[in-house]
Amino acid sequence: MVLLSGGMDSATCLALATRDAPPVHALTIDYGQRHRRELRSAARLARHYRVAAHVRLTLPVGPLLDSALTRARAPLPSRPPRGRRVPPTYVPARNTLLLAVALGYAESHRLGRIYYGANAIDYSGYPDCRPEFVTAFNALARRAVRSPAEGGHRIRLVAPLIDRSKAEVVRLGDRLGVPWRWTWSCYAGGRRPCGRCDACRWRARGFRVLGRPDPARSART
């Protein structure tokens, strides 16, 4: 299964899973993020890849989690933080929460892998996008669900993009035929990418390194 946000990394994971481990289930979680446009992108990507099931779950935790991504008028950073600081777009324990739901879904449907689009190179300093987090979650998954305890199948979190730059993600997605124009990365929550937030800048850099424009900048929404 794929934890599908609608962004370029999760779209690439969806393309990989469709190629390598069909049939694929996709899970999209509405946690109150201000960039609602990504939910529409996730639905379109799921249709494009003809997933076996696309589950959209509303998890109303946004008011509980203090983040610039859950407060509509909070300022968004335009560059990565200095030093070891984590940016205000970090959502407290978000990926732990979302992946816990994915783990329960995977066990219920006897799915052996959860594809997760974490990226530890061109990323914004989030602690839950690091290889250490993936390792820790896999240790948890071996102990938190019934099937491994009874000698059954294990559920493994895989992060195939963890050590790739955004340019490398674009290159891989090109080979897989990812429809970039339908993906969404902008944190601002408008009708078109703002081009100023750090997510837009990382994305633009990935395409720019390869000498090409970002198709989402000219796509109709």
N, C-alpha and C. Protein backbone atom coordinates (compact mmCIF):
# COMPACT_ATOMS: atom_id res chain seq x y z
N MET A 1 0.85 -1.18 0.00
CA MET A 1 0.00 0.00 0.00
C MET A 1 0.88 1.24 0.00
N VAL A 2 0.28 2.36 -0.37
CA VAL A 2 1.02 3.62 -0.46
C VAL A 2 0.32 4.66 0.39
N LEU A 3 1.08 5.35 1.23
CA LEU A 3 0.57 6.52 1.93
C LEU A 3 0.65 7.67 0.93
N LEU A 4 -0.49 8.04 0.38
CA LEU A 4 -0.54 8.93 -0.78
C LEU A 4 -1.02 10.32 -0.38
N SER A 5 -0.10 11.28 -0.43
CA SER A 5 -0.45 12.66 -0.07
C SER A 5 -0.89 13.47 -1.28
N GLY A 6 -0.41 13.09 -2.45
CA GLY A 6 -0.65 13.89 -3.65
C GLY A 6 0.57 14.67 -4.09
N GLY A 7 1.66 14.61 -3.32
CA GLY A 7 2.90 15.29 -3.68
C GLY A 7 3.77 14.47 -4.61
N MET A 8 4.89 15.05 -5.02
CA MET A 8 5.72 14.39 -6.02
C MET A 8 6.38 13.12 -5.47
N ASP A 9 6.72 13.11 -4.19
CA ASP A 9 7.37 11.94 -3.62
C ASP A 9 6.40 10.78 -3.49
N SER A 10 5.20 11.04 -2.97
CA SER A 10 4.24 9.94 -2.83
C SER A 10 3.75 9.46 -4.19
N ALA A 11 3.66 10.37 -5.17
CA ALA A 11 3.28 9.95 -6.52
C ALA A 11 4.32 9.01 -7.12
N THR A 12 5.59 9.30 -6.87
CA THR A 12 6.66 8.43 -7.36
C THR A 12 6.60 7.08 -6.66
N CYS A 13 6.31 7.09 -5.35
CA CYS A 13 6.14 5.82 -4.63
C CYS A 13 4.97 5.03 -5.19
N LEU A 14 3.89 5.71 -5.54
CA LEU A 14 2.73 5.02 -6.12
C LEU A 14 3.10 4.38 -7.45
N ALA A 15 3.85 5.09 -8.27
CA ALA A 15 4.29 4.52 -9.55
C ALA A 15 5.20 3.31 -9.33
N LEU A 16 6.10 3.40 -8.35
CA LEU A 16 6.98 2.27 -8.03
C LEU A 16 6.18 1.06 -7.55
N ALA A 17 5.26 1.28 -6.63
CA ALA A 17 4.47 0.19 -6.08
C ALA A 17 3.61 -0.46 -7.17
N THR A 18 3.05 0.36 -8.06
CA THR A 18 2.24 -0.17 -9.15
C THR A 18 3.07 -1.05 -10.06
N ARG A 19 4.32 -0.66 -10.27
CA ARG A 19 5.20 -1.45 -11.12
C ARG A 19 5.68 -2.73 -10.41
N ASP A 20 6.04 -2.61 -9.14
CA ASP A 20 6.75 -3.70 -8.46
C ASP A 20 5.87 -4.59 -7.59
N ALA A 21 4.74 -4.09 -7.09
CA ALA A 21 3.99 -4.88 -6.11
C ALA A 21 2.48 -4.71 -6.26
N PRO A 22 1.94 -4.89 -7.47
CA PRO A 22 0.48 -4.76 -7.62
C PRO A 22 -0.23 -6.00 -7.03
N PRO A 23 -1.51 -5.88 -6.71
CA PRO A 23 -2.36 -4.68 -6.73
C PRO A 23 -2.04 -3.76 -5.57
N VAL A 24 -2.30 -2.46 -5.74
CA VAL A 24 -1.90 -1.45 -4.78
C VAL A 24 -3.13 -0.82 -4.13
N HIS A 25 -3.06 -0.66 -2.83
CA HIS A 25 -4.04 0.14 -2.09
C HIS A 25 -3.39 1.48 -1.76
N ALA A 26 -4.17 2.54 -1.78
CA ALA A 26 -3.66 3.87 -1.43
C ALA A 26 -4.48 4.45 -0.29
N LEU A 27 -3.79 5.11 0.63
CA LEU A 27 -4.43 5.74 1.78
C LEU A 27 -4.07 7.22 1.80
N THR A 28 -5.09 8.06 1.78
CA THR A 28 -4.90 9.51 1.87
C THR A 28 -5.62 10.01 3.11
N ILE A 29 -4.93 10.79 3.93
CA ILE A 29 -5.50 11.24 5.19
C ILE A 29 -5.64 12.75 5.22
N ASP A 30 -6.86 13.18 5.46
CA ASP A 30 -7.18 14.59 5.64
C ASP A 30 -7.05 14.87 7.14
N TYR A 31 -5.95 15.53 7.52
CA TYR A 31 -5.72 15.80 8.93
C TYR A 31 -5.92 17.28 9.27
N GLY A 32 -6.52 18.01 8.32
CA GLY A 32 -6.76 19.43 8.53
C GLY A 32 -5.70 20.31 7.92
N GLN A 33 -4.93 19.79 6.96
CA GLN A 33 -3.87 20.56 6.33
C GLN A 33 -4.45 21.73 5.52
N ARG A 34 -3.77 22.86 5.55
CA ARG A 34 -4.25 24.04 4.84
C ARG A 34 -4.13 23.87 3.33
N HIS A 35 -3.20 23.07 2.87
CA HIS A 35 -3.03 22.86 1.43
C HIS A 35 -3.96 21.73 0.97
N ARG A 36 -5.26 22.06 0.93
CA ARG A 36 -6.29 21.08 0.60
C ARG A 36 -6.15 20.56 -0.83
N ARG A 37 -5.51 21.33 -1.66
CA ARG A 37 -5.36 20.95 -3.07
C ARG A 37 -4.66 19.60 -3.23
N GLU A 38 -3.81 19.23 -2.27
CA GLU A 38 -3.10 17.96 -2.39
C GLU A 38 -4.06 16.77 -2.29
N LEU A 39 -5.19 16.94 -1.61
CA LEU A 39 -6.16 15.85 -1.50
C LEU A 39 -6.78 15.56 -2.87
N ARG A 40 -7.04 16.62 -3.63
CA ARG A 40 -7.56 16.44 -4.98
C ARG A 40 -6.54 15.77 -5.88
N SER A 41 -5.28 16.15 -5.70
CA SER A 41 -4.22 15.53 -6.49
C SER A 41 -4.11 14.05 -6.18
N ALA A 42 -4.22 13.69 -4.91
CA ALA A 42 -4.14 12.28 -4.52
C ALA A 42 -5.24 11.47 -5.19
N ALA A 43 -6.46 12.02 -5.22
CA ALA A 43 -7.58 11.31 -5.84
C ALA A 43 -7.34 11.11 -7.33
N ARG A 44 -6.79 12.13 -7.98
CA ARG A 44 -6.55 12.02 -9.42
C ARG A 44 -5.46 11.01 -9.71
N LEU A 45 -4.41 11.00 -8.90
CA LEU A 45 -3.33 10.03 -9.08
C LEU A 45 -3.84 8.61 -8.86
N ALA A 46 -4.68 8.43 -7.86
CA ALA A 46 -5.22 7.09 -7.59
C ALA A 46 -6.04 6.59 -8.77
N ARG A 47 -6.82 7.48 -9.37
CA ARG A 47 -7.59 7.09 -10.56
C ARG A 47 -6.67 6.76 -11.73
N HIS A 48 -5.64 7.59 -11.90
CA HIS A 48 -4.71 7.38 -13.01
C HIS A 48 -4.03 6.02 -12.92
N TYR A 49 -3.64 5.62 -11.71
CA TYR A 49 -2.93 4.37 -11.54
C TYR A 49 -3.86 3.18 -11.27
N ARG A 50 -5.16 3.45 -11.27
CA ARG A 50 -6.17 2.39 -11.13
C ARG A 50 -5.88 1.50 -9.93
N VAL A 51 -5.71 2.12 -8.79
CA VAL A 51 -5.41 1.37 -7.58
C VAL A 51 -6.58 0.47 -7.22
N ALA A 52 -6.28 -0.60 -6.51
CA ALA A 52 -7.32 -1.55 -6.10
C ALA A 52 -8.31 -0.89 -5.13
N ALA A 53 -7.80 0.01 -4.30
CA ALA A 53 -8.66 0.74 -3.37
C ALA A 53 -7.97 2.05 -3.01
N HIS A 54 -8.74 3.12 -2.99
CA HIS A 54 -8.22 4.40 -2.51
C HIS A 54 -9.09 4.84 -1.35
N VAL A 55 -8.53 4.80 -0.16
CA VAL A 55 -9.25 5.17 1.05
C VAL A 55 -8.85 6.57 1.46
N ARG A 56 -9.83 7.45 1.57
CA ARG A 56 -9.59 8.80 2.09
C ARG A 56 -10.21 8.89 3.47
N LEU A 57 -9.39 9.13 4.44
CA LEU A 57 -9.82 9.13 5.83
C LEU A 57 -9.67 10.53 6.42
N THR A 58 -10.70 11.00 7.10
CA THR A 58 -10.62 12.27 7.81
C THR A 58 -10.21 12.00 9.25
N LEU A 59 -9.09 12.57 9.62
CA LEU A 59 -8.55 12.42 10.98
C LEU A 59 -8.46 13.83 11.56
N PRO A 60 -9.48 14.27 12.30
CA PRO A 60 -9.57 15.69 12.69
C PRO A 60 -8.64 16.06 13.84
N VAL A 61 -7.35 15.96 13.56
CA VAL A 61 -6.36 16.27 14.61
C VAL A 61 -5.71 17.64 14.41
N GLY A 62 -6.04 18.30 13.29
CA GLY A 62 -5.41 19.58 12.98
C GLY A 62 -5.44 20.59 14.12
N PRO A 63 -6.62 20.80 14.77
CA PRO A 63 -6.67 21.77 15.88
C PRO A 63 -5.79 21.39 17.07
N LEU A 64 -5.42 20.12 17.16
CA LEU A 64 -4.60 19.67 18.28
C LEU A 64 -3.11 19.81 18.01
N LEU A 65 -2.74 19.96 16.74
CA LEU A 65 -1.34 19.93 16.35
C LEU A 65 -0.91 21.32 15.92
N ASP A 66 -0.03 21.93 16.66
CA ASP A 66 0.39 23.30 16.39
C ASP A 66 1.42 23.33 15.26
N SER A 67 0.99 23.80 14.11
CA SER A 67 1.87 23.82 12.94
C SER A 67 1.40 24.89 11.98
N ALA A 68 2.34 25.44 11.21
CA ALA A 68 1.97 26.38 10.15
C ALA A 68 1.16 25.69 9.07
N LEU A 69 1.19 24.37 8.99
CA LEU A 69 0.41 23.66 7.98
C LEU A 69 -1.03 23.43 8.41
N THR A 70 -1.34 23.68 9.67
CA THR A 70 -2.72 23.51 10.12
C THR A 70 -3.35 24.83 10.57
N ARG A 71 -2.59 25.93 10.49
CA ARG A 71 -3.12 27.26 10.80
C ARG A 71 -3.16 28.07 9.53
N ALA A 72 -4.35 28.46 9.11
CA ALA A 72 -4.56 29.02 7.77
C ALA A 72 -3.72 30.25 7.47
N ARG A 73 -3.47 31.11 8.44
CA ARG A 73 -2.78 32.37 8.16
C ARG A 73 -1.37 32.42 8.73
N ALA A 74 -0.87 31.30 9.16
CA ALA A 74 0.49 31.28 9.71
C ALA A 74 1.50 31.53 8.60
N PRO A 75 2.56 32.28 8.86
CA PRO A 75 3.58 32.52 7.83
C PRO A 75 4.33 31.23 7.50
N LEU A 76 4.69 31.10 6.23
CA LEU A 76 5.40 29.93 5.76
C LEU A 76 6.85 30.28 5.46
N PRO A 77 7.79 29.43 5.83
CA PRO A 77 9.21 29.74 5.55
C PRO A 77 9.51 29.64 4.07
N SER A 78 10.42 30.49 3.61
CA SER A 78 10.81 30.47 2.20
C SER A 78 12.18 29.84 2.00
N ARG A 79 12.83 29.44 3.08
CA ARG A 79 14.12 28.77 2.97
C ARG A 79 14.29 27.82 4.14
N PRO A 80 15.13 26.79 4.00
CA PRO A 80 15.32 25.84 5.09
C PRO A 80 15.87 26.52 6.33
N PRO A 81 15.58 25.97 7.52
CA PRO A 81 16.08 26.57 8.75
C PRO A 81 17.58 26.38 8.90
N ARG A 82 18.18 27.23 9.70
CA ARG A 82 19.62 27.11 9.94
C ARG A 82 19.89 26.13 11.08
N GLY A 83 21.02 25.49 10.98
CA GLY A 83 21.43 24.59 12.05
C GLY A 83 20.49 23.42 12.21
N ARG A 84 20.16 23.11 13.46
CA ARG A 84 19.34 21.94 13.77
C ARG A 84 17.87 22.30 14.00
N ARG A 85 17.49 23.51 13.70
CA ARG A 85 16.12 23.93 13.93
C ARG A 85 15.16 23.25 12.96
N VAL A 86 14.00 22.89 13.47
CA VAL A 86 12.94 22.30 12.66
C VAL A 86 11.97 23.42 12.27
N PRO A 87 11.56 23.51 11.01
CA PRO A 87 10.74 24.65 10.56
C PRO A 87 9.32 24.59 11.11
N PRO A 88 8.60 25.72 11.06
CA PRO A 88 7.23 25.76 11.58
C PRO A 88 6.24 24.93 10.79
N THR A 89 6.64 24.44 9.61
CA THR A 89 5.75 23.57 8.84
C THR A 89 5.76 22.13 9.35
N TYR A 90 6.62 21.85 10.31
CA TYR A 90 6.59 20.53 10.94
C TYR A 90 5.26 20.36 11.69
N VAL A 91 4.60 19.22 11.45
CA VAL A 91 3.36 18.89 12.15
C VAL A 91 3.70 17.86 13.22
N PRO A 92 3.50 18.17 14.50
CA PRO A 92 3.94 17.27 15.56
C PRO A 92 3.44 15.84 15.39
N ALA A 93 4.40 14.92 15.29
CA ALA A 93 4.13 13.47 15.22
C ALA A 93 3.23 13.07 14.06
N ARG A 94 3.13 13.92 13.03
CA ARG A 94 2.19 13.64 11.94
C ARG A 94 2.44 12.28 11.30
N ASN A 95 3.67 12.02 10.89
CA ASN A 95 3.92 10.79 10.16
C ASN A 95 3.77 9.56 11.05
N THR A 96 4.05 9.72 12.33
CA THR A 96 3.79 8.61 13.26
C THR A 96 2.30 8.29 13.30
N LEU A 97 1.47 9.33 13.37
CA LEU A 97 0.02 9.13 13.38
C LEU A 97 -0.48 8.51 12.07
N LEU A 98 -0.05 9.06 10.95
CA LEU A 98 -0.55 8.58 9.66
C LEU A 98 -0.09 7.16 9.38
N LEU A 99 1.15 6.87 9.72
CA LEU A 99 1.67 5.53 9.47
C LEU A 99 1.08 4.50 10.43
N ALA A 100 0.67 4.92 11.62
CA ALA A 100 -0.03 4.00 12.52
C ALA A 100 -1.36 3.56 11.89
N VAL A 101 -2.07 4.51 11.28
CA VAL A 101 -3.31 4.17 10.58
C VAL A 101 -3.00 3.24 9.40
N ALA A 102 -1.94 3.56 8.65
CA ALA A 102 -1.55 2.72 7.51
C ALA A 102 -1.19 1.31 7.96
N LEU A 103 -0.52 1.20 9.09
CA LEU A 103 -0.13 -0.11 9.62
C LEU A 103 -1.36 -0.94 9.95
N GLY A 104 -2.35 -0.33 10.61
CA GLY A 104 -3.58 -1.06 10.91
C GLY A 104 -4.31 -1.48 9.66
N TYR A 105 -4.35 -0.60 8.66
CA TYR A 105 -5.00 -0.95 7.39
C TYR A 105 -4.26 -2.09 6.70
N ALA A 106 -2.94 -2.00 6.68
CA ALA A 106 -2.15 -3.05 6.02
C ALA A 106 -2.37 -4.40 6.68
N GLU A 107 -2.42 -4.42 8.02
CA GLU A 107 -2.66 -5.70 8.69
C GLU A 107 -4.06 -6.22 8.38
N SER A 108 -5.04 -5.35 8.39
CA SER A 108 -6.42 -5.78 8.14
C SER A 108 -6.58 -6.37 6.75
N HIS A 109 -5.82 -5.86 5.79
CA HIS A 109 -5.95 -6.32 4.40
C HIS A 109 -4.80 -7.22 3.97
N ARG A 110 -4.00 -7.65 4.91
CA ARG A 110 -2.89 -8.57 4.67
C ARG A 110 -1.94 -8.04 3.59
N LEU A 111 -1.56 -6.80 3.74
CA LEU A 111 -0.61 -6.16 2.84
C LEU A 111 0.76 -6.14 3.50
N GLY A 112 1.80 -6.49 2.77
CA GLY A 112 3.11 -6.67 3.37
C GLY A 112 4.02 -5.46 3.37
N ARG A 113 3.70 -4.44 2.55
CA ARG A 113 4.57 -3.29 2.47
C ARG A 113 3.78 -1.99 2.50
N ILE A 114 4.34 -1.01 3.18
CA ILE A 114 3.80 0.35 3.16
C ILE A 114 4.85 1.24 2.52
N TYR A 115 4.53 1.83 1.38
CA TYR A 115 5.44 2.75 0.69
C TYR A 115 5.23 4.15 1.25
N TYR A 116 6.36 4.77 1.60
CA TYR A 116 6.34 6.05 2.30
C TYR A 116 7.35 6.98 1.63
N GLY A 117 6.90 8.15 1.17
CA GLY A 117 7.74 9.02 0.37
C GLY A 117 8.66 9.94 1.14
N ALA A 118 9.21 9.48 2.24
CA ALA A 118 10.15 10.31 3.00
C ALA A 118 11.42 10.56 2.20
N ASN A 119 11.99 11.74 2.41
CA ASN A 119 13.19 12.13 1.69
C ASN A 119 14.12 12.85 2.64
N ALA A 120 15.30 12.31 2.85
CA ALA A 120 16.20 12.83 3.88
C ALA A 120 17.27 13.77 3.34
N ILE A 121 17.32 13.99 2.04
CA ILE A 121 18.35 14.87 1.46
C ILE A 121 17.76 16.25 1.19
N ASP A 122 16.87 16.35 0.22
CA ASP A 122 16.19 17.62 -0.04
C ASP A 122 14.93 17.68 0.81
N TYR A 123 15.07 17.88 2.09
CA TYR A 123 13.91 17.90 2.98
C TYR A 123 14.06 19.09 3.92
N SER A 124 13.03 19.32 4.71
CA SER A 124 12.99 20.55 5.50
C SER A 124 13.41 20.37 6.95
N GLY A 125 14.10 19.32 7.27
CA GLY A 125 14.57 19.12 8.63
C GLY A 125 13.59 18.38 9.52
N TYR A 126 12.60 17.72 8.95
CA TYR A 126 11.62 17.00 9.75
C TYR A 126 12.24 15.74 10.34
N PRO A 127 12.09 15.49 11.62
CA PRO A 127 12.69 14.31 12.23
C PRO A 127 12.07 13.00 11.74
N ASP A 128 10.82 13.05 11.26
CA ASP A 128 10.16 11.83 10.81
C ASP A 128 10.34 11.58 9.31
N CYS A 129 11.35 12.20 8.72
CA CYS A 129 11.72 11.92 7.32
C CYS A 129 13.15 11.39 7.23
N ARG A 130 13.67 10.89 8.35
CA ARG A 130 15.04 10.41 8.39
C ARG A 130 15.10 8.88 8.38
N PRO A 131 16.20 8.30 7.94
CA PRO A 131 16.32 6.84 7.96
C PRO A 131 16.12 6.26 9.35
N GLU A 132 16.55 7.00 10.38
CA GLU A 132 16.38 6.50 11.75
C GLU A 132 14.91 6.31 12.11
N PHE A 133 14.06 7.18 11.59
CA PHE A 133 12.63 7.04 11.85
C PHE A 133 12.08 5.79 11.19
N VAL A 134 12.48 5.55 9.94
CA VAL A 134 12.00 4.37 9.23
C VAL A 134 12.44 3.10 9.96
N THR A 135 13.69 3.06 10.41
CA THR A 135 14.19 1.90 11.15
C THR A 135 13.39 1.70 12.44
N ALA A 136 13.14 2.78 13.15
CA ALA A 136 12.40 2.69 14.41
C ALA A 136 10.96 2.24 14.17
N PHE A 137 10.34 2.75 13.11
CA PHE A 137 8.95 2.35 12.84
C PHE A 137 8.87 0.87 12.48
N ASN A 138 9.84 0.38 11.74
CA ASN A 138 9.84 -1.04 11.40
C ASN A 138 10.01 -1.91 12.64
N ALA A 139 10.83 -1.45 13.59
CA ALA A 139 10.96 -2.18 14.85
C ALA A 139 9.62 -2.20 15.59
N LEU A 140 8.91 -1.06 15.57
CA LEU A 140 7.59 -1.00 16.18
C LEU A 140 6.62 -1.95 15.48
N ALA A 141 6.62 -1.94 14.15
CA ALA A 141 5.68 -2.76 13.39
C ALA A 141 5.84 -4.25 13.67
N ARG A 142 7.05 -4.68 14.00
CA ARG A 142 7.27 -6.09 14.30
C ARG A 142 6.64 -6.49 15.63
N ARG A 143 6.37 -5.50 16.48
CA ARG A 143 5.88 -5.79 17.82
C ARG A 143 4.46 -5.29 18.08
N ALA A 144 3.96 -4.44 17.21
CA ALA A 144 2.70 -3.75 17.51
C ALA A 144 1.47 -4.44 16.94
N VAL A 145 1.64 -5.37 16.00
CA VAL A 145 0.48 -5.97 15.35
C VAL A 145 0.48 -7.49 15.56
N ARG A 146 -0.67 -8.09 15.29
CA ARG A 146 -0.88 -9.50 15.64
C ARG A 146 -0.13 -10.47 14.75
N SER A 147 -0.11 -10.22 13.44
CA SER A 147 0.37 -11.25 12.52
C SER A 147 1.82 -11.68 12.78
N PRO A 148 2.78 -10.77 13.01
CA PRO A 148 4.13 -11.25 13.32
C PRO A 148 4.19 -12.00 14.65
N ALA A 149 3.37 -11.58 15.61
CA ALA A 149 3.38 -12.25 16.91
C ALA A 149 2.91 -13.69 16.81
N GLU A 150 2.06 -13.97 15.81
CA GLU A 150 1.55 -15.33 15.61
C GLU A 150 2.34 -16.09 14.55
N GLY A 151 3.47 -15.52 14.15
CA GLY A 151 4.28 -16.17 13.13
C GLY A 151 3.80 -15.93 11.71
N GLY A 152 2.91 -14.96 11.52
CA GLY A 152 2.39 -14.66 10.20
C GLY A 152 3.24 -13.65 9.47
N HIS A 153 2.64 -13.00 8.47
CA HIS A 153 3.40 -12.10 7.62
C HIS A 153 3.79 -10.83 8.37
N ARG A 154 4.94 -10.29 8.03
CA ARG A 154 5.39 -9.02 8.58
C ARG A 154 5.00 -7.88 7.65
N ILE A 155 4.84 -6.74 8.24
CA ILE A 155 4.53 -5.53 7.47
C ILE A 155 5.74 -4.63 7.56
N ARG A 156 6.25 -4.24 6.40
CA ARG A 156 7.49 -3.47 6.37
C ARG A 156 7.24 -2.09 5.77
N LEU A 157 7.75 -1.08 6.44
CA LEU A 157 7.72 0.28 5.91
C LEU A 157 8.93 0.46 4.99
N VAL A 158 8.68 0.83 3.74
CA VAL A 158 9.77 1.05 2.79
C VAL A 158 9.75 2.51 2.36
N ALA A 159 10.92 3.09 2.28
CA ALA A 159 11.08 4.49 1.89
C ALA A 159 12.08 4.57 0.74
N PRO A 160 11.64 4.25 -0.47
CA PRO A 160 12.57 4.12 -1.59
C PRO A 160 13.24 5.40 -2.03
N LEU A 161 12.75 6.55 -1.54
CA LEU A 161 13.32 7.85 -1.94
C LEU A 161 14.15 8.47 -0.84
N ILE A 162 14.40 7.76 0.22
CA ILE A 162 14.98 8.34 1.42
C ILE A 162 16.33 9.00 1.18
N ASP A 163 17.11 8.46 0.26
CA ASP A 163 18.45 8.99 0.03
C ASP A 163 18.59 9.64 -1.34
N ARG A 164 17.49 10.08 -1.93
CA ARG A 164 17.52 10.71 -3.25
C ARG A 164 17.28 12.21 -3.14
N SER A 165 17.99 12.97 -3.96
CA SER A 165 17.71 14.40 -4.07
C SER A 165 16.42 14.57 -4.86
N LYS A 166 15.88 15.79 -4.83
CA LYS A 166 14.66 16.04 -5.60
C LYS A 166 14.90 15.85 -7.10
N ALA A 167 16.07 16.20 -7.57
CA ALA A 167 16.38 15.98 -8.99
C ALA A 167 16.37 14.48 -9.30
N GLU A 168 16.89 13.68 -8.39
CA GLU A 168 16.88 12.23 -8.60
C GLU A 168 15.46 11.67 -8.55
N VAL A 169 14.62 12.26 -7.71
CA VAL A 169 13.21 11.84 -7.68
C VAL A 169 12.55 12.16 -9.01
N VAL A 170 12.80 13.35 -9.54
CA VAL A 170 12.22 13.72 -10.84
C VAL A 170 12.72 12.78 -11.93
N ARG A 171 13.99 12.47 -11.90
CA ARG A 171 14.56 11.58 -12.92
C ARG A 171 13.91 10.19 -12.85
N LEU A 172 13.75 9.68 -11.62
CA LEU A 172 13.10 8.38 -11.46
C LEU A 172 11.64 8.44 -11.89
N GLY A 173 10.94 9.50 -11.47
CA GLY A 173 9.55 9.65 -11.86
C GLY A 173 9.37 9.76 -13.37
N ASP A 174 10.31 10.41 -14.03
CA ASP A 174 10.26 10.48 -15.49
C ASP A 174 10.31 9.08 -16.11
N ARG A 175 11.20 8.25 -15.57
CA ARG A 175 11.32 6.89 -16.10
C ARG A 175 10.04 6.09 -15.87
N LEU A 176 9.36 6.39 -14.78
CA LEU A 176 8.14 5.67 -14.43
C LEU A 176 6.89 6.30 -15.05
N GLY A 177 7.05 7.45 -15.68
CA GLY A 177 5.91 8.12 -16.31
C GLY A 177 4.98 8.83 -15.34
N VAL A 178 5.52 9.34 -14.23
CA VAL A 178 4.68 10.05 -13.26
C VAL A 178 4.10 11.32 -13.90
N PRO A 179 2.79 11.53 -13.82
CA PRO A 179 2.18 12.75 -14.37
C PRO A 179 2.39 13.93 -13.41
N TRP A 180 3.52 14.58 -13.51
CA TRP A 180 3.88 15.65 -12.57
C TRP A 180 2.85 16.75 -12.51
N ARG A 181 2.16 17.01 -13.61
CA ARG A 181 1.21 18.13 -13.64
C ARG A 181 0.05 17.92 -12.67
N TRP A 182 -0.17 16.67 -12.25
CA TRP A 182 -1.27 16.39 -11.32
C TRP A 182 -0.80 16.33 -9.87
N THR A 183 0.48 16.47 -9.63
CA THR A 183 0.97 16.42 -8.25
C THR A 183 0.96 17.83 -7.65
N TRP A 184 1.00 17.87 -6.32
CA TRP A 184 0.93 19.15 -5.63
C TRP A 184 1.89 19.14 -4.45
N SER A 185 2.69 20.19 -4.34
CA SER A 185 3.66 20.29 -3.25
C SER A 185 3.50 21.54 -2.40
N CYS A 186 2.87 22.58 -2.92
CA CYS A 186 2.83 23.89 -2.27
C CYS A 186 2.10 23.84 -0.93
N TYR A 187 2.68 24.48 0.08
CA TYR A 187 2.10 24.53 1.41
C TYR A 187 1.06 25.64 1.57
N ALA A 188 1.02 26.59 0.65
CA ALA A 188 0.24 27.81 0.87
C ALA A 188 -1.27 27.59 0.81
N GLY A 189 -1.70 26.61 0.04
CA GLY A 189 -3.13 26.32 0.01
C GLY A 189 -3.93 27.14 -0.98
N GLY A 190 -3.29 27.76 -1.96
CA GLY A 190 -4.01 28.52 -2.97
C GLY A 190 -4.40 27.66 -4.16
N ARG A 191 -4.93 28.31 -5.20
CA ARG A 191 -5.34 27.59 -6.41
C ARG A 191 -4.14 27.20 -7.26
N ARG A 192 -3.04 27.95 -7.15
CA ARG A 192 -1.83 27.66 -7.91
C ARG A 192 -0.64 27.67 -6.94
N PRO A 193 0.44 26.97 -7.27
CA PRO A 193 1.62 26.97 -6.39
C PRO A 193 2.12 28.40 -6.15
N CYS A 194 2.47 28.70 -4.90
CA CYS A 194 2.90 30.06 -4.59
C CYS A 194 4.30 30.35 -5.11
N GLY A 195 5.15 29.32 -5.23
CA GLY A 195 6.51 29.51 -5.71
C GLY A 195 7.45 30.07 -4.68
N ARG A 196 6.97 30.33 -3.46
CA ARG A 196 7.80 30.97 -2.45
C ARG A 196 8.07 30.09 -1.23
N CYS A 197 7.14 29.21 -0.87
CA CYS A 197 7.35 28.38 0.32
C CYS A 197 8.49 27.40 0.07
N ASP A 198 9.01 26.82 1.14
CA ASP A 198 10.19 25.95 0.96
C ASP A 198 9.85 24.70 0.16
N ALA A 199 8.61 24.21 0.25
CA ALA A 199 8.23 23.04 -0.55
C ALA A 199 8.27 23.37 -2.04
N CYS A 200 7.77 24.54 -2.41
CA CYS A 200 7.83 24.97 -3.81
C CYS A 200 9.28 25.11 -4.27
N ARG A 201 10.12 25.66 -3.40
CA ARG A 201 11.52 25.90 -3.78
C ARG A 201 12.29 24.58 -3.96
N TRP A 202 12.07 23.62 -3.06
CA TRP A 202 12.73 22.32 -3.23
C TRP A 202 12.28 21.66 -4.52
N ARG A 203 10.99 21.73 -4.78
CA ARG A 203 10.45 21.11 -5.99
C ARG A 203 11.03 21.77 -7.24
N ALA A 204 11.01 23.11 -7.26
CA ALA A 204 11.54 23.84 -8.42
C ALA A 204 13.00 23.51 -8.65
N ARG A 205 13.75 23.38 -7.57
CA ARG A 205 15.17 23.05 -7.70
C ARG A 205 15.36 21.70 -8.37
N GLY A 206 14.52 20.72 -8.03
CA GLY A 206 14.63 19.41 -8.64
C GLY A 206 14.47 19.45 -10.15
N PHE A 207 13.49 20.21 -10.62
CA PHE A 207 13.30 20.33 -12.07
C PHE A 207 14.39 21.20 -12.70
N ARG A 208 14.79 22.26 -11.99
CA ARG A 208 15.78 23.18 -12.54
C ARG A 208 17.13 22.50 -12.74
N VAL A 209 17.53 21.64 -11.82
CA VAL A 209 18.80 20.92 -11.96
C VAL A 209 18.82 20.10 -13.23
N LEU A 210 17.66 19.60 -13.63
CA LEU A 210 17.56 18.80 -14.86
C LEU A 210 17.29 19.67 -16.09
N GLY A 211 17.25 20.99 -15.90
CA GLY A 211 17.09 21.90 -17.02
C GLY A 211 15.72 21.91 -17.64
N ARG A 212 14.69 21.76 -16.83
CA ARG A 212 13.33 21.73 -17.38
C ARG A 212 12.36 22.41 -16.43
N PRO A 213 11.25 22.93 -16.94
CA PRO A 213 10.27 23.59 -16.08
C PRO A 213 9.42 22.57 -15.34
N ASP A 214 8.80 23.02 -14.27
CA ASP A 214 7.89 22.19 -13.50
C ASP A 214 6.52 22.19 -14.21
N PRO A 215 6.04 21.04 -14.67
CA PRO A 215 4.74 21.01 -15.38
C PRO A 215 3.58 21.53 -14.55
N ALA A 216 3.67 21.42 -13.23
CA ALA A 216 2.56 21.88 -12.39
C ALA A 216 2.40 23.39 -12.41
N ARG A 217 3.44 24.11 -12.77
CA ARG A 217 3.37 25.57 -12.78
C ARG A 217 2.46 26.09 -13.88
N SER A 218 2.30 25.30 -14.93
CA SER A 218 1.45 25.74 -16.04
C SER A 218 0.20 24.91 -16.20
N ALA A 219 0.05 23.87 -15.36
CA ALA A 219 -1.12 22.99 -15.48
C ALA A 219 -2.37 23.70 -15.02
N ARG A 220 -3.49 23.34 -15.62
CA ARG A 220 -4.76 23.88 -15.19
C ARG A 220 -5.22 23.15 -13.94
N THR A 221 -5.76 23.87 -12.97
CA THR A 221 -6.25 23.26 -11.75
C THR A 221 -7.76 23.14 -11.74
